[in-house]
Structures are given as structure tokens and as C-alpha cells.
Amino acid sequence: MRLIVTEAQRHREIEHGKDLRTSPIIGAAIEIHRNLDSGLLESAYELLPVHEAQLWTYLRLTGKRVGLLINFNVPFLTQGIVRRVL
């Protein structure tokens, strides 16, 4: 018998042993994506280099070590998550 595993459950298994500070954020984003789907079909969802540059800037300015870029315009949200560590 094969159990059905949700994307959120797969994420929790992958995250086991990784940075636990981002797990609740990613889990919440997965739930939002599940309920609202991929959102608007706009180019604003593309992860352009400027967005990553902004993330690095925000990490340096705030003194935080871990940041996430989340693109909701993907079939499975885990495909749209970029984690950066300063």
C-alpha cells in the first residue's frame, strides 16, 4: 500500500536537519500556494537577478544570515524557493 505524501510533508522530510528557522515560513508558503494556487500570471513573479541582489542587501543590512526568495508562479512551490545564507 502506497501512502499519498503531500508537498508540505516532503518538504518537512527534506528540511529535517537543515536550518529550522526557515521551515515554518516555507511550510506556511506551501499552504498558501495550495489554497490560492500560483496567483497572478505576471512577470513580477520571475526571480530576476535584481531580486537576489535585494535579498543579499537586506541580509547584510539586517544582520540576518538566512533569506528566502519565493516564487509562487510554479506548479510545486518547492521548485520556486531559493534559500541564501550569508
C-alpha atoms as a PDB file:
ATOM      1  CA  MET A   1       0.000   0.000   0.000  1.00  0.00           C
ATOM      2  CA  ARG A   2       1.443   3.369  -1.046  1.00  0.00           C
ATOM      3  CA  LEU A   3       0.702   6.407   1.089  1.00  0.00           C
ATOM      4  CA  ILE A   4      -0.016   9.742  -0.542  1.00  0.00           C
ATOM      5  CA  VAL A   5       2.596  12.273   0.534  1.00  0.00           C
ATOM      6  CA  THR A   6       1.830  15.968   0.217  1.00  0.00           C
ATOM      7  CA  GLU A   7       4.338  18.577  -0.892  1.00  0.00           C
ATOM      8  CA  ALA A   8       4.383  20.000   2.642  1.00  0.00           C
ATOM      9  CA  GLN A   9       5.202  16.562   4.082  1.00  0.00           C
ATOM     10  CA  ARG A  10       8.006  16.060   1.541  1.00  0.00           C
ATOM     11  CA  HIS A  11       9.338  19.496   2.460  1.00  0.00           C
ATOM     12  CA  ARG A  12       9.382  18.630   6.167  1.00  0.00           C
ATOM     13  CA  GLU A  13      11.322  15.434   5.440  1.00  0.00           C
ATOM     14  CA  ILE A  14      13.867  17.302   3.301  1.00  0.00           C
ATOM     15  CA  GLU A  15      14.186  20.087   5.874  1.00  0.00           C
ATOM     16  CA  HIS A  16      14.927  17.659   8.694  1.00  0.00           C
ATOM     17  CA  GLY A  17      18.431  18.534   9.795  1.00  0.00           C
ATOM     18  CA  LYS A  18      18.571  21.817   7.845  1.00  0.00           C
ATOM     19  CA  ASP A  19      18.001  25.368   9.070  1.00  0.00           C
ATOM     20  CA  LEU A  20      14.873  25.024  11.199  1.00  0.00           C
ATOM     21  CA  ARG A  21      14.241  28.795  11.181  1.00  0.00           C
ATOM     22  CA  THR A  22      13.006  28.717   7.585  1.00  0.00           C
ATOM     23  CA  SER A  23      10.907  25.543   7.825  1.00  0.00           C
ATOM     24  CA  PRO A  24       7.796  27.224   9.321  1.00  0.00           C
ATOM     25  CA  ILE A  25       7.998  30.007   6.720  1.00  0.00           C
ATOM     26  CA  ILE A  26       8.267  27.577   3.822  1.00  0.00           C
ATOM     27  CA  GLY A  27       5.502  25.407   5.293  1.00  0.00           C
ATOM     28  CA  ALA A  28       3.187  28.433   5.517  1.00  0.00           C
ATOM     29  CA  ALA A  29       4.053  29.434   1.945  1.00  0.00           C
ATOM     30  CA  ILE A  30       3.215  25.913   0.751  1.00  0.00           C
ATOM     31  CA  GLU A  31      -0.179  26.103   2.474  1.00  0.00           C
ATOM     32  CA  ILE A  32      -0.876  29.495   0.868  1.00  0.00           C
ATOM     33  CA  HIS A  33       0.169  28.154  -2.536  1.00  0.00           C
ATOM     34  CA  ARG A  34      -2.048  25.108  -2.052  1.00  0.00           C
ATOM     35  CA  ASN A  35      -5.089  27.296  -1.277  1.00  0.00           C
ATOM     36  CA  LEU A  36      -4.510  30.152  -3.727  1.00  0.00           C
ATOM     37  CA  ASP A  37      -2.626  28.242  -6.448  1.00  0.00           C
ATOM     38  CA  SER A  38       0.070  30.069  -8.375  1.00  0.00           C
ATOM     39  CA  GLY A  39      -1.529  33.505  -8.092  1.00  0.00           C
ATOM     40  CA  LEU A  40      -1.387  36.067 -10.847  1.00  0.00           C
ATOM     41  CA  LEU A  41       0.279  35.358 -14.165  1.00  0.00           C
ATOM     42  CA  GLU A  42       2.663  38.294 -14.105  1.00  0.00           C
ATOM     43  CA  SER A  43       6.315  38.795 -14.802  1.00  0.00           C
ATOM     44  CA  ALA A  44       6.667  40.131 -11.242  1.00  0.00           C
ATOM     45  CA  TYR A  45       6.905  36.505 -10.096  1.00  0.00           C
ATOM     46  CA  GLU A  46      10.098  35.876 -12.068  1.00  0.00           C
ATOM     47  CA  LEU A  47      13.190  35.550  -9.861  1.00  0.00           C
ATOM     48  CA  LEU A  48      15.278  38.178 -11.628  1.00  0.00           C
ATOM     49  CA  PRO A  49      18.895  38.853 -10.628  1.00  0.00           C
ATOM     50  CA  VAL A  50      17.784  42.154  -9.063  1.00  0.00           C
ATOM     51  CA  HIS A  51      15.603  40.252  -6.574  1.00  0.00           C
ATOM     52  CA  GLU A  52      18.528  38.140  -5.468  1.00  0.00           C
ATOM     53  CA  ALA A  53      20.691  41.269  -5.159  1.00  0.00           C
ATOM     54  CA  GLN A  54      17.985  42.836  -2.983  1.00  0.00           C
ATOM     55  CA  LEU A  55      17.926  39.750  -0.776  1.00  0.00           C
ATOM     56  CA  TRP A  56      21.706  39.922  -0.260  1.00  0.00           C
ATOM     57  CA  THR A  57      21.408  43.641   0.574  1.00  0.00           C
ATOM     58  CA  TYR A  58      18.615  43.037   3.094  1.00  0.00           C
ATOM     59  CA  LEU A  59      20.601  40.235   4.741  1.00  0.00           C
ATOM     60  CA  ARG A  60      23.629  42.491   5.143  1.00  0.00           C
ATOM     61  CA  LEU A  61      21.608  45.469   6.407  1.00  0.00           C
ATOM     62  CA  THR A  62      19.594  43.479   8.935  1.00  0.00           C
ATOM     63  CA  GLY A  63      22.399  41.197  10.094  1.00  0.00           C
ATOM     64  CA  LYS A  64      20.300  38.140   9.292  1.00  0.00           C
ATOM     65  CA  ARG A  65      22.099  35.062   7.994  1.00  0.00           C
ATOM     66  CA  VAL A  66      19.359  33.275   6.035  1.00  0.00           C
ATOM     67  CA  GLY A  67      16.966  34.653   3.434  1.00  0.00           C
ATOM     68  CA  LEU A  68      14.335  33.199   1.119  1.00  0.00           C
ATOM     69  CA  LEU A  69      13.079  34.208  -2.299  1.00  0.00           C
ATOM     70  CA  ILE A  70       9.744  32.536  -3.001  1.00  0.00           C
ATOM     71  CA  ASN A  71       8.226  32.383  -6.490  1.00  0.00           C
ATOM     72  CA  PHE A  72       4.553  31.391  -6.240  1.00  0.00           C
ATOM     73  CA  ASN A  73       4.147  31.053 -10.022  1.00  0.00           C
ATOM     74  CA  VAL A  74       5.270  27.405 -10.169  1.00  0.00           C
ATOM     75  CA  PRO A  75       3.353  24.095 -10.148  1.00  0.00           C
ATOM     76  CA  PHE A  76       5.032  22.955  -6.908  1.00  0.00           C
ATOM     77  CA  LEU A  77       6.150  25.693  -4.553  1.00  0.00           C
ATOM     78  CA  THR A  78       9.329  23.876  -3.548  1.00  0.00           C
ATOM     79  CA  GLN A  79      10.506  24.467  -7.156  1.00  0.00           C
ATOM     80  CA  GLY A  80      10.219  28.226  -6.598  1.00  0.00           C
ATOM     81  CA  ILE A  81      12.154  28.539  -3.351  1.00  0.00           C
ATOM     82  CA  VAL A  82      15.660  29.963  -3.296  1.00  0.00           C
ATOM     83  CA  ARG A  83      17.494  29.954   0.053  1.00  0.00           C
ATOM     84  CA  ARG A  84      20.560  32.133   0.503  1.00  0.00           C
ATOM     85  CA  VAL A  85      22.886  32.049   3.508  1.00  0.00           C
ATOM     86  CA  LEU A  86      25.185  34.975   4.267  1.00  0.00           C
END
